[in-house]
């Protein structure tokens, strides 16, 4: 997969993004997803709401986190 784009200086709250929108958080390119709750943990459920576009890991981001708007183009390499 090839990811091309730029990291905009514009920052917004995570909860203002729509599902499917890419963003940067802590230097990593992520995409907002619908919420997924994992109830298998000892202390209760963990809610995931984004995915790393480089590694495919599901992750969590708090609603009030400030994230960088990403302007990217993603293409599958053959």
C-alpha atoms as a PDB file:
ATOM      1  CA  UNK A   1       0.000   0.000   0.000  1.00  0.00           C
ATOM      2  CA  UNK A   2       1.285   3.444  -0.869  1.00  0.00           C
ATOM      3  CA  UNK A   3       0.210   6.420   1.223  1.00  0.00           C
ATOM      4  CA  UNK A   4       0.837   9.898  -0.161  1.00  0.00           C
ATOM      5  CA  UNK A   5      -0.240  13.157   1.324  1.00  0.00           C
ATOM      6  CA  UNK A   6       0.444  15.936   3.702  1.00  0.00           C
ATOM      7  CA  UNK A   7      -0.038  16.662   7.358  1.00  0.00           C
ATOM      8  CA  UNK A   8      -2.195  19.772   7.585  1.00  0.00           C
ATOM      9  CA  UNK A   9      -1.482  22.261  10.359  1.00  0.00           C
ATOM     10  CA  UNK A  10      -5.213  22.394  11.059  1.00  0.00           C
ATOM     11  CA  UNK A  11      -6.131  20.665  14.331  1.00  0.00           C
ATOM     12  CA  UNK A  12      -9.630  19.607  15.352  1.00  0.00           C
ATOM     13  CA  UNK A  13     -11.223  17.600  18.146  1.00  0.00           C
ATOM     14  CA  UNK A  14     -11.410  13.880  17.433  1.00  0.00           C
ATOM     15  CA  UNK A  15     -15.175  13.824  18.016  1.00  0.00           C
ATOM     16  CA  UNK A  16     -15.675  16.337  15.177  1.00  0.00           C
ATOM     17  CA  UNK A  17     -14.389  13.832  12.595  1.00  0.00           C
ATOM     18  CA  UNK A  18     -16.718  11.570  10.613  1.00  0.00           C
ATOM     19  CA  UNK A  19     -16.187   7.821  10.323  1.00  0.00           C
ATOM     20  CA  UNK A  20     -13.712   7.103   7.536  1.00  0.00           C
ATOM     21  CA  UNK A  21     -11.833  10.395   7.894  1.00  0.00           C
ATOM     22  CA  UNK A  22      -8.031  10.115   8.159  1.00  0.00           C
ATOM     23  CA  UNK A  23      -6.081  12.080  10.766  1.00  0.00           C
ATOM     24  CA  UNK A  24      -2.705  12.254  12.483  1.00  0.00           C
ATOM     25  CA  UNK A  25      -2.320  11.585  16.200  1.00  0.00           C
ATOM     26  CA  UNK A  26       1.065  11.337  17.904  1.00  0.00           C
ATOM     27  CA  UNK A  27       2.716  11.242  14.476  1.00  0.00           C
ATOM     28  CA  UNK A  28       0.720   8.241  13.283  1.00  0.00           C
ATOM     29  CA  UNK A  29      -1.762   8.222  10.399  1.00  0.00           C
ATOM     30  CA  UNK A  30      -5.118   6.867  11.597  1.00  0.00           C
ATOM     31  CA  UNK A  31      -8.699   6.650  10.352  1.00  0.00           C
ATOM     32  CA  UNK A  32     -11.816   7.107  12.479  1.00  0.00           C
ATOM     33  CA  UNK A  33     -14.048   4.022  12.649  1.00  0.00           C
ATOM     34  CA  UNK A  34     -17.330   3.115  14.256  1.00  0.00           C
ATOM     35  CA  UNK A  35     -16.874   2.183  17.910  1.00  0.00           C
ATOM     36  CA  UNK A  36     -15.918  -1.409  18.694  1.00  0.00           C
ATOM     37  CA  UNK A  37     -16.154  -2.625  22.310  1.00  0.00           C
ATOM     38  CA  UNK A  38     -14.079  -5.556  23.560  1.00  0.00           C
ATOM     39  CA  UNK A  39     -15.558  -7.003  26.740  1.00  0.00           C
ATOM     40  CA  UNK A  40     -12.968  -9.772  27.167  1.00  0.00           C
ATOM     41  CA  UNK A  41     -10.708  -7.798  29.533  1.00  0.00           C
ATOM     42  CA  UNK A  42     -10.526  -8.357  33.275  1.00  0.00           C
ATOM     43  CA  UNK A  43     -11.489  -4.750  34.093  1.00  0.00           C
ATOM     44  CA  UNK A  44     -14.382  -4.462  31.654  1.00  0.00           C
ATOM     45  CA  UNK A  45     -14.699  -3.311  28.090  1.00  0.00           C
ATOM     46  CA  UNK A  46     -12.236  -1.381  26.006  1.00  0.00           C
ATOM     47  CA  UNK A  47     -13.685   0.796  23.267  1.00  0.00           C
ATOM     48  CA  UNK A  48     -11.739   1.228  20.041  1.00  0.00           C
ATOM     49  CA  UNK A  49     -12.646   3.990  17.592  1.00  0.00           C
ATOM     50  CA  UNK A  50      -9.817   4.272  15.063  1.00  0.00           C
ATOM     51  CA  UNK A  51      -7.390   2.157  13.069  1.00  0.00           C
ATOM     52  CA  UNK A  52      -3.740   2.658  12.124  1.00  0.00           C
ATOM     53  CA  UNK A  53      -3.497   2.867   8.340  1.00  0.00           C
ATOM     54  CA  UNK A  54       0.131   1.723   8.347  1.00  0.00           C
ATOM     55  CA  UNK A  55      -0.141  -1.265  10.711  1.00  0.00           C
ATOM     56  CA  UNK A  56      -3.868  -2.156  10.674  1.00  0.00           C
ATOM     57  CA  UNK A  57      -4.122  -2.071  14.485  1.00  0.00           C
ATOM     58  CA  UNK A  58      -7.338  -0.913  16.095  1.00  0.00           C
ATOM     59  CA  UNK A  59      -6.754   1.828  18.645  1.00  0.00           C
ATOM     60  CA  UNK A  60      -8.520   4.265  20.969  1.00  0.00           C
ATOM     61  CA  UNK A  61      -8.597   8.031  20.845  1.00  0.00           C
ATOM     62  CA  UNK A  62     -10.436  10.187  23.381  1.00  0.00           C
ATOM     63  CA  UNK A  63     -13.224  12.403  22.035  1.00  0.00           C
ATOM     64  CA  UNK A  64     -11.543  15.593  23.253  1.00  0.00           C
ATOM     65  CA  UNK A  65      -8.100  14.764  21.782  1.00  0.00           C
ATOM     66  CA  UNK A  66      -6.799  17.338  19.314  1.00  0.00           C
ATOM     67  CA  UNK A  67      -5.815  15.623  16.053  1.00  0.00           C
ATOM     68  CA  UNK A  68      -4.235  16.832  12.830  1.00  0.00           C
ATOM     69  CA  UNK A  69      -6.344  16.815   9.688  1.00  0.00           C
ATOM     70  CA  UNK A  70      -4.804  14.485   7.090  1.00  0.00           C
ATOM     71  CA  UNK A  71      -5.011  15.111   3.371  1.00  0.00           C
ATOM     72  CA  UNK A  72      -3.923  11.773   1.947  1.00  0.00           C
ATOM     73  CA  UNK A  73      -4.285   9.463  -1.032  1.00  0.00           C
ATOM     74  CA  UNK A  74      -4.023   5.712  -0.448  1.00  0.00           C
ATOM     75  CA  UNK A  75      -3.414   3.261  -3.263  1.00  0.00           C
ATOM     76  CA  UNK A  76      -2.951  -0.482  -3.299  1.00  0.00           C
ATOM     77  CA  UNK A  77       0.338  -1.472  -4.898  1.00  0.00           C
ATOM     78  CA  UNK A  78       0.284  -4.449  -7.263  1.00  0.00           C
END
